Structure formats: C-alpha cells, structure tokens
Amino acid sequence: MTNRLFRLALRLFAMVCVVVSSLPVAAQNLPDDIVIRLAGSSSIGQRMTIDAVTVWAKKLGLGAVRLNSGVDPGDYEIVARGAESRRSLRVTVSGKGTDAGLEPLLRGETDFWMAARQVQQSDIDAMRRLKIPNVPDLAQFQTPGIENVVGLDAVTIITSVRNPVKQLSIAQVKAMFTGQITNWSQVGGPNLPVTLYAMDPGAGYADIFCAAVIGNADVAKCMASLAHLNAPLFTYADDLADQVDGDPGSLSFVAFQDKRNARSMQISTECNTALEPDGFLVKTGEYPLSRRLYIYVNPTRPLSPAARAYLDFLLSVPGQNSITMTGFGTLMPSMSSDTYSSNRLSTAGDAQNGGRTRIRPIDQHAFEDAVGDGNRSSITFRFQSGTSNLDSRSERDIARLAEFMALPANKDMQVVLVGFSSAAGDYAANRTLSNDRAAEIKDRLVKQYGIKDPVAIGVGPTAPVACNLDPSTASLNQRVEVWLRRRS
C-alpha cells in the first residue's frame, strides 16, 4: 500500500471508531449490491469521499468498512457490508485529477465527475475532439442538479510570528515561491532570506495553492516550478507548521486548521485593502485563496437510485458535517461576527475603484438602516455569468436559508436581502438591477417557503466586498447578501 493510501486507511480507521450520532436510516429503493463510481479531482477523491462514504455507510446500517488500494496511484475502493443483511456497498474512486474525470463520465464509466473547479468550454471542446458522441453543451452542465457544489476548500499563507510582515499580495507570494523575491526586505520586511516550505502534494492543499497562487493547476509542473525549498516536502501539517513558526524567514501554505502557532498572512488587494484568512469569508466566496468543489452528473443519463442517494446525502446536513473532518468548508449557513458587521458599515462608502465612483448617500444610508443592528449570513446569492439566473449553489441555498430560518433560535429574526452590483457601468442601472435581484429572491422565499416578511433592497455598488479595479474579483460584487436582524 502506498504512503498516501496508508494515510487514508488510518483516517478510515479513525472514522469507523467515531460514533455516528443518528441511527441508521432505511435504505429504501436501493439494491442489495450498491455500486457507485467517482472519477476526477484528487482533493475530493482522496480527502472528502472516504469520510463521507464511511459516515453514509454507517447511516445505511452497514459495517465492516474496508479500504482497498487500486492498481494505479489515486485509485481505491471502499467496501462495506451489512452485519445482519445481504446488502453491500462498493464505491470505486479514481482520483487522478479534475481533467481526468469528464471523459469517463460521458462514456458511462462513472456516475460522478469530481471537479476542483467549474466546468469550462475548453472541457467541452476537448471531449468533442475525442469524438465522444452527444457531448452536452456547457449550459447543460451548469444547470442546478447537474452541477453540484459539495464543499469549499481554502489555504492560508503562513510565516513565523517573529516575522513583522503582516500582509502580502498574491503576486508577491507567487514571486517568492518562484524565486523572483528572495529576501523579506523586498516586501518591506527585515533583511532576511526567504525560506520556503511545502507539504507533499499527496497530503493535499498543493492543488489549490498551485491554481490560486502560481496559476498552474497541474500540480506536478507547479511544484517543479517552485524555487528550491528549504527542507524536504513535509508529510504532516503539524510538522510543517512547527518548522515555519520556528524560522523567522519562513513562508508556506496550509489549511486553516493546520497552522498551529504559525501566523497567517493577510492577503492585500489592488485597492489597498487586506483580507484576513477567515472561515466566514471562505463560505461567502470572498477569501481569494478559496474555491468551490463540484460533483457533476451526466446531463444525458439519469443517475441510478444508489448514486442519487449518495449525492443527496452529501448535500444534506449529515453529509456536510462529514466533510469537516478533513478540513473542508461546508455549505451550511453561519453568521458573521459583530466586528465584521461594523467594519462593513464603516467602509460602505468606498466603491473600491480608486475613487472613480462616488457612492450615493441615499444608498449608503439605506444599507446602514437595513443591516445596522443585524449580522450577515454566509449565504450569498450569486448569478450565472452574464445573466440574472442564480448559479447552482445559490439555487440550493434558497432551501438552506429556509431550513436555517426554521430553527427555533431564529424564530424572532427577520431576513434582510440586500442586492449589490459592481461599479462598472451606469450607476442607476446597477442600482435597479441589484434591487430587482433582491426582490426576486424575496418573492421565492415567500411563495416557495413561506418566509415571513423578508425585506429586500438594492444599493448598487455600495459596500463592495472585492476590488472593482481587478476584473478577476469585481464579479464578486454582483450578489445578494442575506442579513438577519431581530424583529422590532
């Protein structure tokens, strides 16, 4: 068994030893021999799936969960059998990377394509060049239910607490890891050489770092392009974090929960703002070193009952809880801190575009009046590119918000929907669009879920969450935020 599979096996053993809080559920409409096949992203395949399937198997009343390594690296299967029944579960996983998952999905060789990024037109074109028959269009793949956001992933850039540099831009981090910046004095720090550390790619996190910082999703090529590292690649995150904390010139990256005593860097933007590494901002999609994780199904082929049951579980509260054990962010709603709310209000008049746009006082005051005594929910409604249609995550988030509001703790809370826009284009048109989007979501919450008396307003480019000068982040300002305030 490879080292990677050995680590997975250890984690599986730990999972089996965990007592699942809820009782096994009836496996209605499932065959005695349940078979599910997944191919694609190694992050989902080797970090998420093993935990999710183990919890799901126990909920189905199956025990004796076993992990079998495959012939090729990244391939394995999870097998579980019922103690008092003939039912069995076999989940085969081929985790060779996102790019390796679409072809087997379209050829009917797998039920799910695991993807660490959203499907692109280049993916569709590549499949057509392979002359695969009846390749669906991009729009078909981006349909809710076909495209499923199943979790969130993020890394934080870390250094020693003895290093006085508090923030870096993504461009600076890239320059340091590729050898263009070799001394901390080049970024306003002490005259101290930069010493670089990294995890073994098989331990996770390298793929998101490579995509978000280096700009190369091919992990092998990305890691080969890095400057000479100060030590061999680390297998365990705790060892890496301790080494970084003890070296004043250090720089590395880990998952949020693995930084230990090392200090996380703030990520600076072109608009001279800095974003703290924060789990709430990962959930809202506004932390720059984060990403969505997807599972796609074939638009032209119905899922088997077993595959549908697994996907439903993964998107449920128990399924989402299962993925937190390996450090993923969930899609379940959470609330901002009071500090976050006050900071948003204090900067609401800055359009983050170099002073080119002046926020109208009427909109700033409307925002302050609507949310001044409330807190923001992590649920943020976003839209398909170039349209007013909700994206696939947001379609499911409407139901998640309704479930959240049904909790006893929220019985006295009121939903406030605030629509926003980027600063590009006509101010009045942006304000109207932001209002229309908020009003549409309000209408759906009332008619579909019976949410009582939600408020909806639109304030255009007020209170942006990202720099409008940067096209890669300006799209984050096209959104409808959810705030909760106590009913008067």
Protein backbone atom coordinates (compact mmCIF):
# COMPACT_ATOMS: atom_id res chain seq x y z
CA MET A 1 0.00 0.00 0.00
CA THR A 2 1.37 3.43 -0.90
CA ASN A 3 2.04 6.05 1.79
CA ARG A 4 -0.94 8.03 0.55
CA LEU A 5 -3.29 5.07 0.82
CA PHE A 6 -1.79 4.18 4.19
CA ARG A 7 -2.73 7.65 5.47
CA LEU A 8 -6.21 7.21 4.04
CA ALA A 9 -6.52 3.86 5.76
CA LEU A 10 -5.54 5.37 9.09
CA ARG A 11 -8.18 8.05 8.64
CA LEU A 12 -10.76 5.43 7.70
CA PHE A 13 -9.97 3.50 10.88
CA ALA A 14 -10.46 6.66 12.92
CA MET A 15 -13.76 7.34 11.17
CA VAL A 16 -15.04 3.84 11.88
CA CYS A 17 -14.27 4.39 15.57
CA VAL A 18 -16.41 7.53 15.65
CA VAL A 19 -19.96 7.02 16.92
CA VAL A 20 -22.39 8.48 14.41
CA SER A 21 -24.96 10.49 16.33
CA SER A 22 -28.01 9.49 14.34
CA LEU A 23 -29.44 6.00 13.95
CA PRO A 24 -29.02 4.07 10.69
CA VAL A 25 -31.55 5.10 8.07
CA ALA A 26 -33.59 2.77 5.92
CA ALA A 27 -32.02 2.16 2.51
CA GLN A 28 -35.32 2.39 0.66
CA ASN A 29 -35.29 1.80 -3.09
CA LEU A 30 -31.65 0.73 -3.02
CA PRO A 31 -30.48 -2.63 -4.35
CA ASP A 32 -28.75 -5.22 -2.20
CA ASP A 33 -25.49 -4.55 -4.06
CA ILE A 34 -24.89 -0.79 -4.08
CA VAL A 35 -22.19 0.33 -6.51
CA ILE A 36 -21.11 3.96 -7.01
CA ARG A 37 -18.26 5.18 -9.21
CA LEU A 38 -16.41 8.52 -8.99
CA ALA A 39 -13.59 9.95 -11.11
CA GLY A 40 -11.69 13.22 -11.17
CA SER A 41 -10.34 15.58 -8.51
CA SER A 42 -7.84 14.10 -6.09
CA SER A 43 -8.90 16.62 -3.42
CA ILE A 44 -12.46 15.32 -3.46
CA GLY A 45 -11.49 11.74 -4.14
CA GLN A 46 -8.74 11.37 -1.58
CA ARG A 47 -9.74 13.87 1.11
CA MET A 48 -13.52 14.14 1.06
CA THR A 49 -15.00 10.93 -0.31
CA ILE A 50 -13.52 8.47 2.15
CA ASP A 51 -15.01 10.30 5.13
CA ALA A 52 -18.37 10.96 3.51
CA VAL A 53 -18.81 7.37 2.31
CA THR A 54 -17.83 5.97 5.72
CA VAL A 55 -20.48 8.05 7.50
CA TRP A 56 -23.06 7.25 4.81
CA ALA A 57 -22.38 3.52 5.09
CA LYS A 58 -22.97 3.63 8.84
CA LYS A 59 -26.21 5.54 8.27
CA LEU A 60 -27.29 2.75 5.90
CA GLY A 61 -26.65 0.25 8.69
CA LEU A 62 -23.53 -1.15 7.04
CA GLY A 63 -20.41 -2.01 8.97
CA ALA A 64 -17.05 -3.69 8.35
CA VAL A 65 -15.93 -0.73 6.23
CA ARG A 66 -12.71 -1.56 4.37
CA LEU A 67 -10.36 0.37 2.09
CA ASN A 68 -8.70 -1.41 -0.83
CA SER A 69 -5.92 0.26 -2.81
CA GLY A 70 -6.15 0.25 -6.60
CA VAL A 71 -3.63 -0.62 -9.27
CA ASP A 72 -2.89 2.99 -10.22
CA PRO A 73 -1.97 5.86 -7.85
CA GLY A 74 -5.08 7.72 -6.79
CA ASP A 75 -7.35 4.71 -7.30
CA TYR A 76 -9.02 2.84 -4.45
CA GLU A 77 -12.34 1.40 -3.37
CA ILE A 78 -14.37 1.48 -0.19
CA VAL A 79 -16.32 -1.66 0.66
CA ALA A 80 -18.92 -2.06 3.41
CA ARG A 81 -21.26 -4.93 4.28
CA GLY A 82 -24.32 -5.30 6.46
CA ALA A 83 -23.92 -7.21 9.69
CA GLU A 84 -27.41 -8.71 9.54
CA SER A 85 -28.37 -8.36 5.89
CA ARG A 86 -27.14 -9.22 2.42
CA ARG A 87 -26.73 -5.56 1.49
CA SER A 88 -23.26 -4.39 0.47
CA LEU A 89 -21.73 -1.12 -0.69
CA ARG A 90 -18.81 -0.66 -3.06
CA VAL A 91 -17.56 2.80 -4.00
CA THR A 92 -14.77 2.98 -6.57
CA VAL A 93 -12.70 6.15 -6.77
CA SER A 94 -10.26 7.25 -9.45
CA GLY A 95 -8.65 10.43 -8.14
CA LYS A 96 -6.23 11.31 -10.92
CA GLY A 97 -7.23 14.97 -11.13
CA THR A 98 -10.10 17.11 -12.35
CA ASP A 99 -9.10 16.89 -16.00
CA ALA A 100 -9.28 13.08 -15.90
CA GLY A 101 -12.93 12.85 -14.80
CA LEU A 102 -15.12 14.21 -17.58
CA GLU A 103 -14.34 11.62 -20.26
CA PRO A 104 -15.28 8.58 -18.14
CA LEU A 105 -18.47 10.39 -17.10
CA LEU A 106 -19.51 10.91 -20.72
CA ARG A 107 -18.55 7.36 -21.68
CA GLY A 108 -20.75 5.96 -18.92
CA GLU A 109 -17.80 4.56 -16.98
CA THR A 110 -18.51 6.58 -13.82
CA ASP A 111 -21.51 8.10 -12.07
CA PHE A 112 -19.86 11.34 -10.95
CA TRP A 113 -17.20 13.72 -12.18
CA MET A 114 -15.36 15.22 -9.20
CA ALA A 115 -14.05 18.67 -10.14
CA ALA A 116 -12.00 21.19 -8.16
CA ARG A 117 -13.16 23.96 -10.49
CA GLN A 118 -16.22 24.80 -12.55
CA VAL A 119 -16.65 23.13 -15.92
CA GLN A 120 -15.33 25.24 -18.80
CA GLN A 121 -15.95 25.46 -22.52
CA SER A 122 -12.44 24.08 -23.08
CA ASP A 123 -13.57 20.88 -21.31
CA ILE A 124 -16.47 20.52 -23.74
CA ASP A 125 -14.25 21.22 -26.75
CA ALA A 126 -11.71 18.62 -25.59
CA MET A 127 -14.42 15.95 -25.36
CA ARG A 128 -15.67 16.77 -28.85
CA ARG A 129 -12.15 16.46 -30.24
CA LEU A 130 -12.11 12.94 -28.80
CA LYS A 131 -15.26 12.35 -30.88
CA ILE A 132 -17.32 11.28 -27.90
CA PRO A 133 -20.93 11.18 -29.17
CA ASN A 134 -23.61 13.57 -27.89
CA VAL A 135 -21.38 15.80 -25.75
CA PRO A 136 -23.71 18.17 -23.85
CA ASP A 137 -23.34 21.94 -24.14
CA LEU A 138 -21.70 23.97 -21.40
CA ALA A 139 -25.06 25.42 -20.33
CA GLN A 140 -26.40 21.91 -19.73
CA PHE A 141 -23.51 21.13 -17.39
CA GLN A 142 -24.08 24.34 -15.42
CA THR A 143 -27.71 23.50 -14.69
CA PRO A 144 -28.55 23.09 -10.98
CA GLY A 145 -28.74 19.38 -10.19
CA ILE A 146 -26.23 18.58 -12.93
CA GLU A 147 -23.64 20.90 -11.40
CA ASN A 148 -23.49 20.39 -7.63
CA VAL A 149 -21.29 22.38 -5.27
CA VAL A 150 -20.50 19.90 -2.49
CA GLY A 151 -17.92 21.73 -0.37
CA LEU A 152 -15.38 24.51 -0.06
CA ASP A 153 -11.60 24.44 0.17
CA ALA A 154 -9.04 27.05 1.21
CA VAL A 155 -5.44 27.54 2.23
CA THR A 156 -3.70 30.20 4.29
CA ILE A 157 -0.21 31.58 3.71
CA ILE A 158 1.82 31.26 6.91
CA THR A 159 5.06 32.59 8.37
CA SER A 160 6.65 32.83 11.81
CA VAL A 161 5.15 35.04 14.50
CA ARG A 162 8.62 36.64 14.67
CA ASN A 163 8.29 37.93 11.09
CA PRO A 164 6.96 41.54 11.17
CA VAL A 165 5.42 41.40 7.67
CA LYS A 166 1.66 41.19 8.16
CA GLN A 167 0.32 41.10 4.60
CA LEU A 168 1.27 40.08 1.08
CA SER A 169 -0.45 40.23 -2.27
CA ILE A 170 -0.98 37.05 -4.25
CA ALA A 171 1.53 38.36 -6.81
CA GLN A 172 4.15 38.77 -4.07
CA VAL A 173 3.52 35.26 -2.73
CA LYS A 174 3.93 33.86 -6.24
CA ALA A 175 7.15 35.83 -6.76
CA MET A 176 8.57 34.49 -3.50
CA PHE A 177 7.71 30.87 -4.28
CA THR A 178 9.13 31.12 -7.80
CA GLY A 179 12.38 32.75 -6.71
CA GLN A 180 11.81 36.27 -8.05
CA ILE A 181 11.71 37.65 -4.49
CA THR A 182 14.34 36.10 -2.26
CA ASN A 183 14.58 38.49 0.70
CA TRP A 184 11.90 39.85 3.02
CA SER A 185 13.34 43.35 2.60
CA GLN A 186 11.89 43.32 -0.94
CA VAL A 187 8.38 43.33 0.55
CA GLY A 188 9.00 45.81 3.33
CA GLY A 189 10.37 43.38 5.89
CA PRO A 190 13.77 42.80 7.51
CA ASN A 191 16.95 41.93 5.64
CA LEU A 192 16.28 38.22 5.90
CA PRO A 193 16.36 35.49 3.26
CA VAL A 194 13.02 33.90 2.36
CA THR A 195 12.97 30.23 3.32
CA LEU A 196 10.26 28.17 1.66
CA TYR A 197 8.50 25.08 2.97
CA ALA A 198 5.74 22.94 1.47
CA MET A 199 3.69 19.82 2.05
CA ASP A 200 3.98 16.70 -0.05
CA PRO A 201 1.37 17.18 -2.82
CA GLY A 202 -0.16 13.85 -1.85
CA ALA A 203 -1.05 15.25 1.55
CA GLY A 204 -3.37 17.82 -0.03
CA TYR A 205 -3.52 21.62 -0.47
CA ALA A 206 -0.91 21.86 -3.22
CA ASP A 207 -3.56 21.83 -5.92
CA ILE A 208 -5.48 24.84 -4.58
CA PHE A 209 -2.23 26.73 -3.91
CA CYS A 210 -0.96 26.00 -7.40
CA ALA A 211 -4.21 27.09 -9.04
CA ALA A 212 -4.88 30.20 -6.95
CA VAL A 213 -1.30 31.49 -6.46
CA ILE A 214 1.00 30.04 -9.10
CA GLY A 215 -1.65 29.96 -11.81
CA ASN A 216 -0.91 26.39 -12.85
CA ALA A 217 -3.47 23.71 -11.99
CA ASP A 218 -1.03 20.95 -12.99
CA VAL A 219 0.35 20.16 -9.54
CA ALA A 220 3.41 18.26 -10.77
CA LYS A 221 4.51 21.07 -13.09
CA CYS A 222 3.62 23.71 -10.49
CA MET A 223 5.68 22.11 -7.75
CA ALA A 224 8.59 21.63 -10.16
CA SER A 225 8.49 25.37 -10.93
CA LEU A 226 8.90 26.41 -7.30
CA ALA A 227 12.21 27.78 -6.06
CA HIS A 228 14.43 25.49 -4.01
CA LEU A 229 12.61 24.55 -0.82
CA ASN A 230 14.41 24.83 2.49
CA ALA A 231 13.62 21.27 3.54
CA PRO A 232 12.19 18.05 2.08
CA LEU A 233 8.45 18.08 1.46
CA PHE A 234 6.54 17.53 4.69
CA THR A 235 4.14 14.64 5.15
CA TYR A 236 2.37 16.00 8.22
CA ALA A 237 0.94 19.52 8.50
CA ASP A 238 1.76 19.79 12.22
CA ASP A 239 5.46 19.25 11.49
CA LEU A 240 5.39 21.86 8.73
CA ALA A 241 3.60 24.47 10.85
CA ASP A 242 6.04 23.99 13.75
CA GLN A 243 9.03 24.35 11.42
CA VAL A 244 7.57 27.53 9.91
CA ASP A 245 6.87 29.04 13.32
CA GLY A 246 10.46 28.45 14.40
CA ASP A 247 12.01 30.11 11.33
CA PRO A 248 11.64 33.94 11.14
CA GLY A 249 12.27 33.91 7.38
CA SER A 250 9.78 31.15 6.61
CA LEU A 251 6.90 31.09 4.13
CA SER A 252 4.50 28.24 3.44
CA PHE A 253 0.82 27.32 3.00
CA VAL A 254 -1.54 25.03 4.89
CA ALA A 255 -5.23 24.58 5.57
CA PHE A 256 -6.70 26.99 8.12
CA GLN A 257 -6.97 24.39 10.86
CA ASP A 258 -3.35 23.24 10.42
CA LYS A 259 -1.43 26.48 11.07
CA ARG A 260 -0.92 25.78 14.82
CA ASN A 261 1.24 28.60 16.26
CA ALA A 262 2.37 30.00 12.91
CA ARG A 263 0.88 33.33 11.81
CA SER A 264 -1.43 33.66 8.82
CA MET A 265 -0.77 36.39 6.29
CA GLN A 266 -3.43 38.88 5.29
CA ILE A 267 -3.95 38.96 1.52
CA SER A 268 -3.71 42.51 0.14
CA THR A 269 -5.62 43.72 -2.94
CA GLU A 270 -5.03 46.31 -5.66
CA CYS A 271 -7.33 48.64 -3.73
CA ASN A 272 -5.00 48.71 -0.70
CA THR A 273 -7.32 46.60 1.42
CA ALA A 274 -6.35 43.40 3.20
CA LEU A 275 -8.39 40.25 3.68
CA GLU A 276 -7.96 38.16 6.79
CA PRO A 277 -7.87 34.37 6.40
CA ASP A 278 -11.33 33.68 7.73
CA GLY A 279 -13.72 30.75 7.53
CA PHE A 280 -16.72 33.03 7.12
CA LEU A 281 -15.16 34.67 4.04
CA VAL A 282 -14.46 31.21 2.62
CA LYS A 283 -18.17 30.42 2.91
CA THR A 284 -19.16 33.68 1.23
CA GLY A 285 -16.63 33.06 -1.55
CA GLU A 286 -14.72 36.28 -0.86
CA TYR A 287 -11.44 34.93 0.51
CA PRO A 288 -9.12 34.81 -2.54
CA LEU A 289 -7.35 31.52 -1.71
CA SER A 290 -10.56 29.52 -1.62
CA ARG A 291 -12.58 27.58 -4.15
CA ARG A 292 -15.75 25.60 -4.65
CA LEU A 293 -15.64 21.83 -5.09
CA TYR A 294 -18.06 20.28 -7.57
CA ILE A 295 -19.65 16.99 -8.43
CA TYR A 296 -21.15 16.76 -11.93
CA VAL A 297 -23.54 14.20 -13.29
CA ASN A 298 -24.13 13.39 -16.95
CA PRO A 299 -26.95 15.61 -18.29
CA THR A 300 -27.97 12.93 -20.78
CA ARG A 301 -28.05 9.91 -18.46
CA PRO A 302 -30.22 9.54 -15.32
CA LEU A 303 -28.50 8.67 -12.06
CA SER A 304 -29.04 5.26 -10.54
CA PRO A 305 -31.06 5.25 -7.28
CA ALA A 306 -27.85 4.46 -5.36
CA ALA A 307 -25.90 7.35 -6.93
CA ARG A 308 -28.80 9.73 -6.33
CA ALA A 309 -28.99 8.64 -2.69
CA TYR A 310 -25.28 9.28 -2.18
CA LEU A 311 -25.44 12.75 -3.77
CA ASP A 312 -28.48 13.65 -1.66
CA PHE A 313 -26.61 12.54 1.45
CA LEU A 314 -23.51 14.56 0.54
CA LEU A 315 -25.61 17.73 0.22
CA SER A 316 -27.53 17.07 3.45
CA VAL A 317 -26.58 18.33 6.90
CA PRO A 318 -25.09 14.95 7.99
CA GLY A 319 -23.16 14.77 4.72
CA GLN A 320 -21.82 18.27 5.10
CA ASN A 321 -20.84 17.53 8.69
CA SER A 322 -18.86 14.51 7.50
CA ILE A 323 -16.59 16.57 5.25
CA THR A 324 -15.49 18.91 8.03
CA MET A 325 -13.37 16.08 9.48
CA THR A 326 -10.80 16.64 6.71
CA GLY A 327 -10.85 20.42 6.88
CA PHE A 328 -13.30 21.32 4.12
CA GLY A 329 -15.68 24.22 4.48
CA THR A 330 -19.34 23.28 4.41
CA LEU A 331 -22.29 24.90 2.69
CA MET A 332 -24.28 25.16 5.91
CA PRO A 333 -25.16 28.75 6.92
CA SER A 334 -23.15 30.57 9.57
CA MET A 335 -23.28 34.11 10.90
CA SER A 336 -20.74 36.94 10.85
CA SER A 337 -19.22 38.47 13.94
CA ASP A 338 -20.23 41.87 15.27
CA THR A 339 -16.79 43.14 14.25
CA TYR A 340 -17.40 42.09 10.65
CA SER A 341 -20.72 43.95 10.59
CA SER A 342 -19.25 47.17 11.98
CA ASN A 343 -16.34 47.05 9.53
CA ARG A 344 -18.71 46.68 6.57
CA LEU A 345 -20.75 49.66 7.72
CA SER A 346 -17.69 51.84 8.24
CA THR A 347 -16.39 51.20 4.70
CA ALA A 348 -19.74 51.19 2.89
CA GLY A 349 -18.99 54.48 1.08
CA ASP A 350 -15.83 53.20 -0.65
CA ALA A 351 -16.51 51.73 -4.11
CA GLN A 352 -13.01 50.20 -4.18
CA ASN A 353 -12.22 51.51 -7.64
CA GLY A 354 -9.72 54.25 -6.95
CA GLY A 355 -12.32 56.91 -6.19
CA ARG A 356 -13.84 56.82 -9.68
CA THR A 357 -17.33 56.10 -8.35
CA ARG A 358 -18.97 58.14 -5.60
CA ILE A 359 -21.44 56.09 -3.58
CA ARG A 360 -24.71 57.98 -3.27
CA PRO A 361 -25.53 58.84 0.35
CA ILE A 362 -29.11 57.61 -0.07
CA ASP A 363 -27.81 54.10 -0.85
CA GLN A 364 -25.24 54.11 1.92
CA HIS A 365 -27.89 55.19 4.42
CA ALA A 366 -30.33 52.56 3.12
CA PHE A 367 -27.71 49.88 3.67
CA GLU A 368 -26.94 51.14 7.17
CA ASP A 369 -30.62 51.34 8.12
CA ALA A 370 -31.34 47.84 6.82
CA VAL A 371 -28.47 45.96 8.46
CA GLY A 372 -27.16 48.28 11.19
CA ASP A 373 -28.49 46.15 14.04
CA GLY A 374 -28.03 42.79 12.33
CA ASN A 375 -25.43 40.26 11.22
CA ARG A 376 -24.68 38.80 7.85
CA SER A 377 -25.32 35.18 6.96
CA SER A 378 -22.71 33.30 4.95
CA ILE A 379 -25.39 32.51 2.35
CA THR A 380 -24.73 34.82 -0.58
CA PHE A 381 -26.73 34.55 -3.76
CA ARG A 382 -24.64 34.78 -6.91
CA PHE A 383 -25.51 34.51 -10.57
CA GLN A 384 -24.51 32.69 -13.71
CA SER A 385 -22.04 34.75 -15.71
CA GLY A 386 -23.75 37.46 -17.77
CA THR A 387 -27.27 36.58 -16.59
CA SER A 388 -29.70 37.17 -13.73
CA ASN A 389 -30.11 33.43 -13.21
CA LEU A 390 -28.87 32.06 -9.88
CA ASP A 391 -25.87 29.78 -10.08
CA SER A 392 -26.13 26.14 -9.00
CA ARG A 393 -25.04 26.69 -5.40
CA SER A 394 -27.41 29.62 -4.92
CA GLU A 395 -30.38 27.59 -6.16
CA ARG A 396 -29.80 25.12 -3.32
CA ASP A 397 -29.00 27.93 -0.89
CA ILE A 398 -32.60 29.17 -1.06
CA ALA A 399 -33.73 25.93 0.55
CA ARG A 400 -30.81 26.03 3.01
CA LEU A 401 -31.83 29.52 4.09
CA ALA A 402 -35.43 28.41 4.61
CA GLU A 403 -34.25 25.47 6.74
CA PHE A 404 -31.98 27.79 8.72
CA MET A 405 -34.81 30.21 9.42
CA ALA A 406 -36.99 27.34 10.65
CA LEU A 407 -34.60 26.71 13.56
CA PRO A 408 -36.05 27.72 16.96
CA ALA A 409 -33.13 30.11 17.54
CA ASN A 410 -34.22 32.17 14.52
CA LYS A 411 -37.95 32.42 15.22
CA ASP A 412 -37.67 36.12 16.14
CA MET A 413 -35.29 37.03 13.33
CA GLN A 414 -36.15 38.81 10.08
CA VAL A 415 -34.45 38.15 6.74
CA VAL A 416 -32.99 41.23 5.03
CA LEU A 417 -31.93 40.72 1.40
CA VAL A 418 -29.50 43.35 0.11
CA GLY A 419 -28.67 43.44 -3.59
CA PHE A 420 -25.31 44.80 -4.77
CA SER A 421 -23.52 45.40 -8.05
CA SER A 422 -20.04 46.17 -9.31
CA ALA A 423 -19.08 49.77 -10.01
CA ALA A 424 -18.81 49.31 -13.78
CA GLY A 425 -21.48 50.89 -15.99
CA ASP A 426 -24.36 53.21 -15.25
CA TYR A 427 -24.94 53.77 -11.53
CA ALA A 428 -28.73 53.98 -11.76
CA ALA A 429 -28.96 50.85 -13.91
CA ASN A 430 -26.75 48.94 -11.46
CA ARG A 431 -28.91 50.08 -8.56
CA THR A 432 -32.08 48.94 -10.35
CA LEU A 433 -30.57 45.55 -11.21
CA SER A 434 -29.41 45.00 -7.62
CA ASN A 435 -32.90 45.83 -6.35
CA ASP A 436 -34.61 43.54 -8.88
CA ARG A 437 -32.39 40.61 -7.94
CA ALA A 438 -33.07 41.03 -4.23
CA ALA A 439 -36.81 41.36 -4.88
CA GLU A 440 -36.86 38.17 -6.96
CA ILE A 441 -35.25 36.15 -4.18
CA LYS A 442 -37.65 37.67 -1.66
CA ASP A 443 -40.57 36.57 -3.84
CA ARG A 444 -39.28 32.99 -4.00
CA LEU A 445 -38.69 32.82 -0.25
CA VAL A 446 -42.26 33.93 0.43
CA LYS A 447 -44.03 31.84 -2.22
CA GLN A 448 -41.97 28.64 -2.04
CA TYR A 449 -41.04 28.52 1.63
CA GLY A 450 -43.41 30.81 3.48
CA ILE A 451 -40.69 33.03 4.94
CA LYS A 452 -42.44 35.76 6.91
CA ASP A 453 -41.97 39.43 5.96
CA PRO A 454 -38.49 39.42 4.37
CA VAL A 455 -37.10 42.82 3.41
CA ALA A 456 -35.43 43.41 0.02
CA ILE A 457 -33.43 46.45 -1.07
CA GLY A 458 -30.84 47.22 -3.76
CA VAL A 459 -27.93 49.58 -3.19
CA GLY A 460 -25.82 49.18 -6.35
CA PRO A 461 -22.04 49.47 -5.80
CA THR A 462 -22.32 50.35 -2.10
CA ALA A 463 -20.20 48.35 0.39
CA PRO A 464 -18.22 46.20 -2.08
CA VAL A 465 -16.58 43.02 -0.83
CA ALA A 466 -13.87 42.95 -3.53
CA CYS A 467 -11.72 45.35 -5.51
CA ASN A 468 -13.58 46.71 -8.55
CA LEU A 469 -10.24 47.60 -10.19
CA ASP A 470 -9.44 43.91 -10.60
CA PRO A 471 -11.62 42.15 -13.21
CA SER A 472 -10.94 38.80 -11.57
CA THR A 473 -12.58 39.93 -8.33
CA ALA A 474 -15.10 42.57 -9.47
CA SER A 475 -17.62 39.83 -10.28
CA LEU A 476 -17.84 39.06 -6.54
CA ASN A 477 -19.67 42.35 -6.12
CA GLN A 478 -22.61 41.08 -8.21
CA ARG A 479 -24.52 39.45 -5.38
CA VAL A 480 -27.44 39.44 -2.96
CA GLU A 481 -26.41 39.19 0.68
CA VAL A 482 -28.54 37.74 3.46
CA TRP A 483 -28.61 39.61 6.78
CA LEU A 484 -30.64 38.74 9.86
CA ARG A 485 -31.97 41.25 12.36
CA ARG A 486 -34.27 40.92 15.31
CA ARG A 487 -37.87 41.87 14.64
CA SER A 488 -38.90 45.15 16.24
